N, C-alpha and C. Protein backbone atom coordinates (compact mmCIF):
# COMPACT_ATOMS: atom_id res chain seq x y z
N MET A 1 52.87 -4.60 81.35
CA MET A 1 52.32 -3.33 80.92
C MET A 1 51.50 -2.71 82.07
N SER A 2 51.73 -1.44 82.33
CA SER A 2 51.03 -0.75 83.41
C SER A 2 49.72 -0.18 82.89
N HIS A 3 48.63 -0.35 83.65
CA HIS A 3 47.33 0.20 83.29
C HIS A 3 47.00 1.35 84.22
N TYR A 4 46.19 2.28 83.75
CA TYR A 4 45.81 3.46 84.53
C TYR A 4 44.96 3.11 85.74
N PHE A 5 44.41 1.89 85.81
CA PHE A 5 43.63 1.50 86.99
C PHE A 5 44.49 0.72 87.99
N LEU A 6 45.79 0.74 87.79
CA LEU A 6 46.74 0.12 88.73
C LEU A 6 47.71 1.19 89.22
N ASN A 7 48.26 0.99 90.40
CA ASN A 7 49.27 1.90 90.92
C ASN A 7 50.65 1.36 90.58
N ASP A 8 51.42 2.14 89.84
CA ASP A 8 52.78 1.76 89.47
C ASP A 8 53.74 2.80 90.04
N ASN A 9 54.31 2.50 91.20
CA ASN A 9 55.19 3.45 91.88
C ASN A 9 56.53 3.62 91.16
N ASN A 10 56.85 2.74 90.22
CA ASN A 10 58.11 2.84 89.49
C ASN A 10 58.02 3.72 88.25
N LEU A 11 56.82 4.16 87.91
CA LEU A 11 56.61 4.96 86.71
C LEU A 11 57.08 6.40 86.96
N PRO A 12 58.02 6.90 86.17
CA PRO A 12 58.50 8.27 86.40
C PRO A 12 57.41 9.30 86.10
N SER A 13 57.42 10.38 86.86
CA SER A 13 56.45 11.45 86.67
C SER A 13 56.89 12.34 85.52
N GLN A 14 55.92 12.77 84.71
CA GLN A 14 56.17 13.71 83.62
C GLN A 14 54.91 14.55 83.44
N ILE A 15 54.78 15.58 84.28
CA ILE A 15 53.58 16.41 84.31
C ILE A 15 53.41 17.16 82.99
N LYS A 16 52.18 17.13 82.48
CA LYS A 16 51.79 17.91 81.30
C LYS A 16 50.58 18.74 81.70
N GLU A 17 50.30 19.77 80.93
CA GLU A 17 49.17 20.63 81.24
C GLU A 17 48.45 20.98 79.95
N PHE A 18 47.11 21.03 79.99
CA PHE A 18 46.34 21.48 78.83
C PHE A 18 45.08 22.17 79.31
N ASN A 19 44.49 22.95 78.42
CA ASN A 19 43.26 23.70 78.70
C ASN A 19 42.08 23.02 78.03
N PHE A 20 40.92 23.16 78.67
CA PHE A 20 39.68 22.61 78.12
C PHE A 20 38.54 23.56 78.48
N ALA A 21 37.66 23.82 77.53
CA ALA A 21 36.51 24.69 77.78
C ALA A 21 35.24 24.04 77.24
N ILE A 22 34.16 24.14 78.03
CA ILE A 22 32.85 23.66 77.60
C ILE A 22 31.78 24.46 78.34
N ASN A 23 30.72 24.83 77.61
CA ASN A 23 29.60 25.58 78.20
C ASN A 23 30.06 26.84 78.93
N GLY A 24 31.05 27.51 78.39
CA GLY A 24 31.53 28.74 79.00
C GLY A 24 32.43 28.54 80.20
N VAL A 25 32.75 27.30 80.53
CA VAL A 25 33.64 27.01 81.66
C VAL A 25 35.01 26.61 81.10
N SER A 26 36.04 27.35 81.50
CA SER A 26 37.41 27.05 81.08
C SER A 26 38.16 26.42 82.24
N LEU A 27 38.85 25.33 81.96
CA LEU A 27 39.58 24.60 82.98
C LEU A 27 41.00 24.32 82.50
N VAL A 28 41.92 24.22 83.46
CA VAL A 28 43.29 23.82 83.18
C VAL A 28 43.53 22.50 83.89
N PHE A 29 44.07 21.53 83.17
CA PHE A 29 44.32 20.21 83.74
C PHE A 29 45.81 19.86 83.71
N LYS A 30 46.29 19.40 84.84
CA LYS A 30 47.62 18.79 84.90
C LYS A 30 47.41 17.28 84.79
N THR A 31 48.21 16.64 83.96
CA THR A 31 48.15 15.19 83.80
C THR A 31 49.56 14.63 83.99
N ASP A 32 49.67 13.31 83.95
CA ASP A 32 50.97 12.70 84.19
C ASP A 32 50.97 11.28 83.61
N ASN A 33 52.15 10.70 83.56
CA ASN A 33 52.26 9.28 83.21
C ASN A 33 51.42 8.47 84.18
N GLY A 34 50.89 7.36 83.72
CA GLY A 34 50.17 6.45 84.60
C GLY A 34 48.70 6.78 84.80
N VAL A 35 48.19 7.80 84.09
CA VAL A 35 46.76 8.10 84.14
C VAL A 35 46.20 8.02 82.73
N PHE A 36 44.90 7.79 82.64
CA PHE A 36 44.24 7.63 81.34
C PHE A 36 44.28 8.94 80.55
N SER A 37 44.63 8.85 79.28
CA SER A 37 44.61 9.97 78.35
C SER A 37 45.41 11.16 78.89
N LYS A 38 46.69 10.91 79.13
CA LYS A 38 47.52 11.90 79.83
C LYS A 38 47.84 13.15 79.02
N GLY A 39 47.78 13.09 77.71
CA GLY A 39 48.22 14.23 76.92
C GLY A 39 47.14 15.21 76.55
N GLU A 40 45.91 14.72 76.50
CA GLU A 40 44.78 15.56 76.10
C GLU A 40 43.50 14.84 76.49
N LEU A 41 42.41 15.56 76.43
CA LEU A 41 41.13 14.94 76.73
C LEU A 41 40.76 13.99 75.59
N ASP A 42 40.53 12.71 75.90
CA ASP A 42 40.18 11.77 74.84
C ASP A 42 38.76 12.06 74.34
N TYR A 43 38.48 11.62 73.12
CA TYR A 43 37.21 11.97 72.48
C TYR A 43 36.01 11.37 73.23
N GLY A 44 36.13 10.16 73.72
CA GLY A 44 35.03 9.54 74.44
C GLY A 44 34.64 10.31 75.69
N THR A 45 35.65 10.78 76.45
CA THR A 45 35.39 11.58 77.64
C THR A 45 34.76 12.91 77.26
N TYR A 46 35.28 13.55 76.22
CA TYR A 46 34.69 14.80 75.73
C TYR A 46 33.21 14.60 75.38
N LEU A 47 32.92 13.52 74.64
CA LEU A 47 31.55 13.25 74.22
C LEU A 47 30.65 12.99 75.42
N LEU A 48 31.17 12.32 76.44
CA LEU A 48 30.41 12.06 77.66
C LEU A 48 30.09 13.37 78.38
N ILE A 49 31.08 14.25 78.51
CA ILE A 49 30.85 15.55 79.16
C ILE A 49 29.82 16.36 78.35
N LYS A 50 30.02 16.42 77.04
CA LYS A 50 29.14 17.20 76.16
C LYS A 50 27.68 16.74 76.30
N ASN A 51 27.47 15.44 76.44
CA ASN A 51 26.11 14.90 76.48
C ASN A 51 25.48 14.88 77.87
N THR A 52 26.26 15.21 78.90
CA THR A 52 25.71 15.15 80.26
C THR A 52 25.67 16.50 80.97
N ILE A 53 26.41 17.47 80.49
CA ILE A 53 26.54 18.74 81.21
C ILE A 53 25.20 19.46 81.34
N ASP A 54 24.27 19.22 80.43
CA ASP A 54 22.95 19.86 80.54
C ASP A 54 21.90 18.93 81.15
N LYS A 55 22.33 17.76 81.64
CA LYS A 55 21.39 16.79 82.20
C LYS A 55 21.57 16.55 83.69
N VAL A 56 22.75 16.83 84.22
CA VAL A 56 23.03 16.49 85.62
C VAL A 56 22.76 17.67 86.55
N SER A 57 22.52 17.32 87.80
CA SER A 57 22.34 18.31 88.87
C SER A 57 22.42 17.55 90.19
N GLY A 58 22.33 18.25 91.30
CA GLY A 58 22.33 17.60 92.60
C GLY A 58 23.69 17.01 92.93
N ASN A 59 23.68 15.83 93.53
CA ASN A 59 24.91 15.14 93.93
C ASN A 59 25.34 14.18 92.83
N VAL A 60 26.55 14.38 92.34
CA VAL A 60 27.07 13.64 91.20
C VAL A 60 28.31 12.86 91.62
N LEU A 61 28.43 11.65 91.09
CA LEU A 61 29.62 10.83 91.28
C LEU A 61 30.33 10.66 89.95
N ASP A 62 31.62 10.95 89.94
CA ASP A 62 32.49 10.67 88.80
C ASP A 62 33.35 9.49 89.21
N LEU A 63 33.01 8.30 88.70
CA LEU A 63 33.71 7.08 89.08
C LEU A 63 34.85 6.79 88.11
N GLY A 64 36.05 6.59 88.66
CA GLY A 64 37.23 6.42 87.82
C GLY A 64 37.63 7.75 87.24
N CYS A 65 37.76 8.75 88.10
CA CYS A 65 37.86 10.15 87.68
C CYS A 65 39.15 10.49 86.95
N GLY A 66 40.18 9.65 87.05
CA GLY A 66 41.45 10.03 86.43
C GLY A 66 41.94 11.33 87.04
N TYR A 67 42.36 12.27 86.20
CA TYR A 67 42.82 13.58 86.70
C TYR A 67 41.68 14.57 86.86
N GLY A 68 40.42 14.14 86.63
CA GLY A 68 39.26 14.93 86.99
C GLY A 68 38.50 15.68 85.90
N PRO A 69 38.68 15.39 84.61
CA PRO A 69 38.00 16.22 83.60
C PRO A 69 36.47 16.15 83.65
N ILE A 70 35.91 14.98 83.94
CA ILE A 70 34.45 14.87 83.98
C ILE A 70 33.91 15.61 85.19
N GLY A 71 34.39 15.27 86.37
CA GLY A 71 33.89 15.87 87.60
C GLY A 71 34.06 17.37 87.65
N LEU A 72 35.22 17.86 87.26
CA LEU A 72 35.46 19.30 87.29
C LEU A 72 34.60 20.03 86.27
N SER A 73 34.37 19.42 85.11
CA SER A 73 33.50 20.03 84.09
C SER A 73 32.06 20.09 84.57
N LEU A 74 31.62 19.07 85.31
CA LEU A 74 30.22 19.02 85.77
C LEU A 74 30.00 19.77 87.08
N ALA A 75 31.06 20.21 87.73
CA ALA A 75 30.93 20.92 89.01
C ALA A 75 30.10 22.20 88.87
N SER A 76 30.18 22.85 87.71
CA SER A 76 29.47 24.12 87.53
C SER A 76 27.95 23.95 87.47
N VAL A 77 27.46 22.72 87.24
CA VAL A 77 26.02 22.48 87.14
C VAL A 77 25.51 21.55 88.24
N SER A 78 26.36 21.25 89.21
CA SER A 78 26.02 20.30 90.27
C SER A 78 26.13 20.96 91.64
N ASP A 79 25.41 20.39 92.62
CA ASP A 79 25.56 20.86 93.99
C ASP A 79 26.88 20.38 94.58
N HIS A 80 27.18 19.11 94.33
CA HIS A 80 28.40 18.51 94.87
C HIS A 80 28.84 17.38 93.95
N VAL A 81 30.14 17.29 93.72
CA VAL A 81 30.69 16.21 92.89
C VAL A 81 31.69 15.43 93.73
N THR A 82 31.46 14.12 93.84
CA THR A 82 32.40 13.21 94.46
C THR A 82 33.14 12.49 93.35
N MET A 83 34.45 12.49 93.40
CA MET A 83 35.26 11.83 92.39
C MET A 83 36.06 10.72 93.07
N ILE A 84 36.07 9.56 92.44
CA ILE A 84 36.74 8.39 93.01
C ILE A 84 37.67 7.78 91.97
N ASP A 85 38.86 7.40 92.42
CA ASP A 85 39.77 6.64 91.57
C ASP A 85 40.63 5.75 92.46
N VAL A 86 41.01 4.61 91.93
CA VAL A 86 41.88 3.67 92.65
C VAL A 86 43.35 4.06 92.50
N ASN A 87 43.65 4.88 91.51
CA ASN A 87 45.02 5.26 91.16
C ASN A 87 45.47 6.45 92.01
N LYS A 88 46.49 6.25 92.84
CA LYS A 88 47.00 7.30 93.74
C LYS A 88 47.44 8.54 92.97
N ARG A 89 48.10 8.34 91.85
CA ARG A 89 48.58 9.48 91.05
C ARG A 89 47.40 10.27 90.49
N ALA A 90 46.36 9.57 90.06
CA ALA A 90 45.17 10.24 89.55
C ALA A 90 44.50 11.08 90.65
N VAL A 91 44.41 10.52 91.85
CA VAL A 91 43.80 11.24 92.98
C VAL A 91 44.62 12.49 93.30
N HIS A 92 45.94 12.36 93.31
CA HIS A 92 46.81 13.51 93.56
C HIS A 92 46.59 14.60 92.50
N LEU A 93 46.57 14.20 91.23
CA LEU A 93 46.36 15.16 90.14
C LEU A 93 44.99 15.84 90.25
N THR A 94 43.97 15.05 90.58
CA THR A 94 42.63 15.63 90.70
C THR A 94 42.58 16.67 91.81
N ASN A 95 43.21 16.36 92.94
CA ASN A 95 43.27 17.35 94.02
C ASN A 95 43.96 18.63 93.57
N ARG A 96 45.05 18.50 92.82
CA ARG A 96 45.75 19.68 92.28
C ARG A 96 44.85 20.45 91.33
N ASN A 97 44.14 19.72 90.46
CA ASN A 97 43.28 20.38 89.48
C ASN A 97 42.08 21.06 90.12
N ILE A 98 41.54 20.47 91.19
CA ILE A 98 40.46 21.13 91.93
C ILE A 98 40.98 22.46 92.49
N LYS A 99 42.16 22.42 93.12
CA LYS A 99 42.73 23.62 93.72
C LYS A 99 43.09 24.66 92.66
N ASP A 100 43.76 24.23 91.60
CA ASP A 100 44.20 25.17 90.55
C ASP A 100 43.04 25.84 89.83
N ASN A 101 41.88 25.16 89.78
CA ASN A 101 40.71 25.73 89.10
C ASN A 101 39.73 26.39 90.08
N ASN A 102 40.14 26.49 91.36
CA ASN A 102 39.32 27.16 92.39
C ASN A 102 37.90 26.61 92.46
N ILE A 103 37.78 25.28 92.43
CA ILE A 103 36.48 24.64 92.52
C ILE A 103 36.26 24.20 93.96
N THR A 104 35.12 24.56 94.52
CA THR A 104 34.89 24.34 95.95
C THR A 104 33.86 23.25 96.25
N ASN A 105 33.14 22.78 95.25
CA ASN A 105 32.09 21.80 95.51
C ASN A 105 32.45 20.39 95.05
N CYS A 106 33.75 20.07 95.09
CA CYS A 106 34.24 18.75 94.68
C CYS A 106 35.09 18.15 95.78
N GLU A 107 35.04 16.83 95.86
CA GLU A 107 35.97 16.08 96.70
C GLU A 107 36.43 14.87 95.93
N VAL A 108 37.64 14.41 96.23
CA VAL A 108 38.17 13.24 95.55
C VAL A 108 38.62 12.22 96.59
N LEU A 109 38.29 10.96 96.33
CA LEU A 109 38.61 9.86 97.24
C LEU A 109 39.42 8.80 96.51
N GLU A 110 40.42 8.28 97.18
CA GLU A 110 41.13 7.13 96.65
C GLU A 110 40.38 5.89 97.12
N ASN A 111 39.81 5.16 96.19
CA ASN A 111 38.97 4.02 96.57
C ASN A 111 38.87 3.05 95.40
N ASP A 112 38.72 1.78 95.70
CA ASP A 112 38.52 0.75 94.68
C ASP A 112 37.03 0.58 94.48
N GLY A 113 36.51 1.20 93.45
CA GLY A 113 35.07 1.16 93.21
C GLY A 113 34.34 1.91 94.30
N LEU A 114 33.23 1.36 94.75
CA LEU A 114 32.40 2.03 95.75
C LEU A 114 32.45 1.34 97.11
N ASP A 115 33.47 0.52 97.33
CA ASP A 115 33.64 -0.14 98.63
C ASP A 115 33.68 0.89 99.74
N GLY A 116 32.84 0.72 100.74
CA GLY A 116 32.83 1.60 101.89
C GLY A 116 32.11 2.92 101.69
N ILE A 117 31.57 3.15 100.51
CA ILE A 117 30.83 4.40 100.23
C ILE A 117 29.36 4.14 100.55
N SER A 118 28.77 4.97 101.38
CA SER A 118 27.36 4.78 101.75
C SER A 118 26.44 5.77 101.06
N SER A 119 26.98 6.81 100.47
CA SER A 119 26.15 7.86 99.84
C SER A 119 25.40 7.33 98.63
N LYS A 120 24.28 7.99 98.37
CA LYS A 120 23.53 7.77 97.12
C LYS A 120 23.67 9.04 96.29
N PHE A 121 23.57 8.89 94.98
CA PHE A 121 23.82 9.99 94.07
C PHE A 121 22.65 10.16 93.10
N ASN A 122 22.46 11.42 92.67
CA ASN A 122 21.45 11.70 91.66
C ASN A 122 21.93 11.22 90.28
N PHE A 123 23.23 11.37 90.05
CA PHE A 123 23.82 10.97 88.77
C PHE A 123 25.19 10.35 89.01
N ILE A 124 25.48 9.31 88.25
CA ILE A 124 26.82 8.71 88.24
C ILE A 124 27.32 8.76 86.81
N ILE A 125 28.52 9.29 86.63
CA ILE A 125 29.11 9.43 85.31
C ILE A 125 30.43 8.67 85.32
N THR A 126 30.67 7.88 84.26
CA THR A 126 31.93 7.14 84.21
C THR A 126 32.36 6.82 82.79
N ASN A 127 33.65 6.92 82.58
CA ASN A 127 34.30 6.35 81.41
C ASN A 127 34.97 5.10 81.97
N PRO A 128 34.24 3.98 81.97
CA PRO A 128 34.65 2.81 82.76
C PRO A 128 35.92 2.14 82.24
N PRO A 129 36.62 1.45 83.13
CA PRO A 129 37.84 0.75 82.74
C PRO A 129 37.52 -0.58 82.05
N ILE A 130 37.24 -0.54 80.78
CA ILE A 130 36.82 -1.71 80.01
C ILE A 130 37.83 -2.86 80.14
N ARG A 131 39.10 -2.52 80.23
CA ARG A 131 40.14 -3.55 80.24
C ARG A 131 40.18 -4.38 81.52
N VAL A 132 39.35 -4.05 82.52
CA VAL A 132 39.31 -4.91 83.72
C VAL A 132 38.60 -6.22 83.43
N GLY A 133 37.89 -6.30 82.31
CA GLY A 133 37.17 -7.51 81.94
C GLY A 133 35.68 -7.39 82.22
N LYS A 134 34.92 -8.19 81.48
CA LYS A 134 33.47 -8.11 81.52
C LYS A 134 32.89 -8.39 82.91
N GLU A 135 33.39 -9.41 83.57
CA GLU A 135 32.84 -9.78 84.87
C GLU A 135 33.00 -8.64 85.89
N LYS A 136 34.21 -8.09 85.96
CA LYS A 136 34.46 -6.99 86.91
C LYS A 136 33.70 -5.73 86.50
N LEU A 137 33.64 -5.46 85.21
CA LEU A 137 32.90 -4.30 84.71
C LEU A 137 31.43 -4.39 85.09
N TYR A 138 30.81 -5.54 84.87
CA TYR A 138 29.39 -5.70 85.18
C TYR A 138 29.13 -5.61 86.68
N SER A 139 30.06 -6.13 87.47
CA SER A 139 29.95 -6.02 88.92
C SER A 139 30.02 -4.55 89.34
N LEU A 140 30.88 -3.79 88.70
CA LEU A 140 31.01 -2.37 88.98
C LEU A 140 29.73 -1.62 88.60
N MET A 141 29.12 -2.00 87.49
CA MET A 141 27.88 -1.35 87.07
C MET A 141 26.75 -1.63 88.09
N GLU A 142 26.70 -2.86 88.57
CA GLU A 142 25.70 -3.23 89.60
C GLU A 142 25.93 -2.40 90.87
N GLU A 143 27.19 -2.27 91.24
CA GLU A 143 27.55 -1.48 92.41
C GLU A 143 27.12 -0.02 92.24
N CYS A 144 27.35 0.51 91.05
CA CYS A 144 26.93 1.89 90.76
C CYS A 144 25.42 2.04 90.87
N MET A 145 24.69 1.14 90.27
CA MET A 145 23.23 1.25 90.29
C MET A 145 22.71 1.18 91.72
N ASN A 146 23.37 0.44 92.59
CA ASN A 146 22.98 0.37 93.99
C ASN A 146 23.24 1.67 94.74
N HIS A 147 24.04 2.56 94.16
CA HIS A 147 24.34 3.85 94.78
C HIS A 147 23.60 5.01 94.12
N LEU A 148 22.66 4.69 93.25
CA LEU A 148 21.83 5.73 92.63
C LEU A 148 20.56 5.94 93.44
N GLU A 149 20.12 7.19 93.53
CA GLU A 149 18.79 7.47 94.05
C GLU A 149 17.78 6.77 93.13
N ASP A 150 16.57 6.51 93.64
CA ASP A 150 15.57 5.80 92.84
C ASP A 150 15.30 6.46 91.50
N SER A 151 15.33 7.79 91.48
CA SER A 151 15.08 8.51 90.23
C SER A 151 16.39 8.88 89.53
N GLY A 152 17.50 8.31 89.98
CA GLY A 152 18.81 8.66 89.45
C GLY A 152 19.10 8.05 88.09
N GLU A 153 20.22 8.46 87.54
CA GLU A 153 20.61 8.01 86.20
C GLU A 153 22.13 7.90 86.14
N MET A 154 22.59 6.87 85.45
CA MET A 154 24.02 6.70 85.21
C MET A 154 24.30 6.91 83.74
N PHE A 155 25.37 7.62 83.44
CA PHE A 155 25.82 7.84 82.07
C PHE A 155 27.23 7.29 81.93
N LEU A 156 27.49 6.60 80.82
CA LEU A 156 28.83 6.09 80.57
C LEU A 156 29.12 6.07 79.08
N VAL A 157 30.38 5.93 78.76
CA VAL A 157 30.80 5.85 77.37
C VAL A 157 31.52 4.52 77.16
N ILE A 158 31.17 3.87 76.04
CA ILE A 158 31.85 2.63 75.64
C ILE A 158 32.00 2.66 74.12
N ARG A 159 33.14 2.22 73.67
CA ARG A 159 33.36 2.14 72.21
C ARG A 159 32.67 0.90 71.65
N LYS A 160 32.19 1.03 70.45
CA LYS A 160 31.53 -0.09 69.77
C LYS A 160 32.46 -1.29 69.71
N GLU A 161 33.73 -1.05 69.37
CA GLU A 161 34.69 -2.16 69.23
C GLU A 161 35.09 -2.78 70.57
N GLN A 162 34.71 -2.13 71.68
CA GLN A 162 35.00 -2.69 73.00
C GLN A 162 33.77 -3.33 73.63
N GLY A 163 32.74 -3.59 72.80
CA GLY A 163 31.60 -4.35 73.28
C GLY A 163 30.37 -3.55 73.67
N ALA A 164 30.21 -2.35 73.10
CA ALA A 164 29.06 -1.50 73.45
C ALA A 164 27.73 -2.22 73.21
N ASN A 165 27.61 -2.90 72.08
CA ASN A 165 26.32 -3.55 71.76
C ASN A 165 25.98 -4.69 72.72
N SER A 166 26.97 -5.51 73.07
CA SER A 166 26.69 -6.60 74.02
C SER A 166 26.42 -6.04 75.41
N PHE A 167 27.10 -4.95 75.78
CA PHE A 167 26.86 -4.29 77.06
C PHE A 167 25.41 -3.80 77.13
N ILE A 168 24.97 -3.14 76.07
CA ILE A 168 23.59 -2.62 76.02
C ILE A 168 22.60 -3.77 76.15
N LYS A 169 22.83 -4.84 75.41
CA LYS A 169 21.92 -6.00 75.46
C LYS A 169 21.88 -6.60 76.87
N ASP A 170 23.04 -6.78 77.48
CA ASP A 170 23.10 -7.39 78.81
C ASP A 170 22.48 -6.49 79.88
N MET A 171 22.76 -5.20 79.84
CA MET A 171 22.22 -4.27 80.84
C MET A 171 20.71 -4.11 80.68
N SER A 172 20.20 -4.28 79.46
CA SER A 172 18.77 -4.16 79.21
C SER A 172 17.95 -5.24 79.92
N LEU A 173 18.60 -6.31 80.35
CA LEU A 173 17.91 -7.36 81.08
C LEU A 173 17.51 -6.90 82.49
N LYS A 174 18.20 -5.88 83.02
CA LYS A 174 17.94 -5.42 84.39
C LYS A 174 17.50 -3.96 84.49
N TYR A 175 17.91 -3.14 83.50
CA TYR A 175 17.71 -1.70 83.62
C TYR A 175 17.10 -1.13 82.34
N SER A 176 16.64 0.09 82.47
CA SER A 176 16.21 0.84 81.29
C SER A 176 17.47 1.44 80.67
N VAL A 177 17.76 1.08 79.43
CA VAL A 177 18.99 1.48 78.76
C VAL A 177 18.66 2.29 77.52
N LYS A 178 19.37 3.40 77.35
CA LYS A 178 19.15 4.25 76.19
C LYS A 178 20.50 4.74 75.67
N VAL A 179 20.68 4.68 74.36
CA VAL A 179 21.86 5.27 73.74
C VAL A 179 21.50 6.71 73.42
N ILE A 180 22.20 7.66 74.07
CA ILE A 180 21.84 9.05 73.85
C ILE A 180 22.70 9.74 72.80
N ASP A 181 23.80 9.11 72.41
CA ASP A 181 24.61 9.65 71.32
C ASP A 181 25.56 8.57 70.83
N LYS A 182 25.92 8.67 69.55
CA LYS A 182 26.93 7.82 68.93
C LYS A 182 27.79 8.72 68.06
N SER A 183 29.09 8.58 68.19
CA SER A 183 29.99 9.37 67.35
C SER A 183 31.35 8.70 67.30
N LYS A 184 31.87 8.53 66.09
CA LYS A 184 33.21 7.97 65.88
C LYS A 184 33.41 6.65 66.61
N GLY A 185 32.37 5.83 66.70
CA GLY A 185 32.46 4.53 67.35
C GLY A 185 32.23 4.55 68.85
N PHE A 186 32.02 5.72 69.44
CA PHE A 186 31.74 5.85 70.87
C PHE A 186 30.23 5.93 71.08
N TYR A 187 29.76 5.19 72.08
CA TYR A 187 28.35 5.22 72.46
C TYR A 187 28.24 5.87 73.84
N ILE A 188 27.35 6.86 73.95
CA ILE A 188 27.02 7.43 75.25
C ILE A 188 25.73 6.75 75.69
N ILE A 189 25.80 6.06 76.83
CA ILE A 189 24.71 5.18 77.28
C ILE A 189 24.17 5.68 78.61
N SER A 190 22.85 5.64 78.72
CA SER A 190 22.16 5.99 79.96
C SER A 190 21.57 4.72 80.56
N LEU A 191 21.74 4.54 81.88
CA LEU A 191 21.12 3.45 82.61
C LEU A 191 20.24 4.03 83.70
N LYS A 192 19.00 3.54 83.78
CA LYS A 192 18.07 3.93 84.84
C LYS A 192 17.38 2.69 85.36
N PHE A 193 16.74 2.83 86.51
CA PHE A 193 15.89 1.74 86.99
C PHE A 193 14.64 1.70 86.13
N CYS A 194 14.14 0.49 85.86
CA CYS A 194 12.93 0.32 85.05
C CYS A 194 11.71 0.84 85.79
């Protein structure tokens, strides 16, 4: 089975397009096979955008950007958005979506996590790849926190059935953790330095 966090060069392309609007910003997204939530914006990502669009500013990182819905939605309230994904197809789609939506303050990088990235960010936003497993997920969270400014904040979405409560408990041992919204089994979680 192919996962959206892996590159599958044998997967045939089937471009789809849909519109999304939030806070007066209308965007058009092209999606494809082999990326997360290819047919429409999934509810968890929508909830994450809805809960962060009035909180972020400055330099923002969208980690695991997919085809770019989080980063492009937050570009209107940020100075600069860096989007990262390990999936080549996702990076290609994000570049197309940046161009098609005439957004000038975004860049997208093909990268595995934050390896080789030296920048620090005011905010990091992610719909993390839960299926990579707990050990890799927690390592990724540690990596993210190391790339936050001291006063920075990370926002993420996790479903209750995918371990949101144990994640909150475990992260609370190192960071200030707050659930800022819950809806339909999705938790929007904030992590800050204590």
